[in-house]
Amino acid sequence: MNDEHTIYTGKANPDAAADRGWLLGHFKAPGDPRHSEDVEIKWGVHPKGEARERWVTGERRTALQVLISGRFRLEFPGRTVVLAEQGDYVVWGRGVDHSWYAEEDTVVLTVRWPSVPGYRADAPADGQACDDAHETDQRSRNAAIVSNEV
């Protein structure tokens, strides 16, 4: 950290590893230049074969995801998007359910807005396990894809 109140310099890989990939958002300490109530930024490093454990449902933010390297597949209801070339990106809005799968070792940059305190997309709703039909179907599809790639 340079000027402790206005400038922060870092390296995405180690900084992201310290906070589940997140570089900027409401979850950073107030006074930290990386603290924001407006936006969240994630440096996502995903090894080949990594898949989201459960679908994100009831998303409360808009998101932009940009492929830095690798190959990354996003699943949306009724649609699959593959980010295959550096700079490929996808934007989805509030309320769009989604999941993902790293087809190769992958790095993606994700920007989400707004930054919602207390909201975590991978937390089960009401403390219950996520086992609805939509998610069960996606787990089956992810398992089939993984078995076909091995």
Foldseek 3Di string as FASTA:
>chain_A
DPPQQADDDDDQVVCLVVPVFKDAECPDDPSGNRYAQWKIKGWDWDAALDKDLWKQAQAAKKKKKFWQDAKKWKDWVVDIDIHHDGGDMDIDGGGTIMIMGGNHGTIMMMMITDRDPPDDRSQDPPNDDPDDPVGVVVVVVSVVVVVVVD
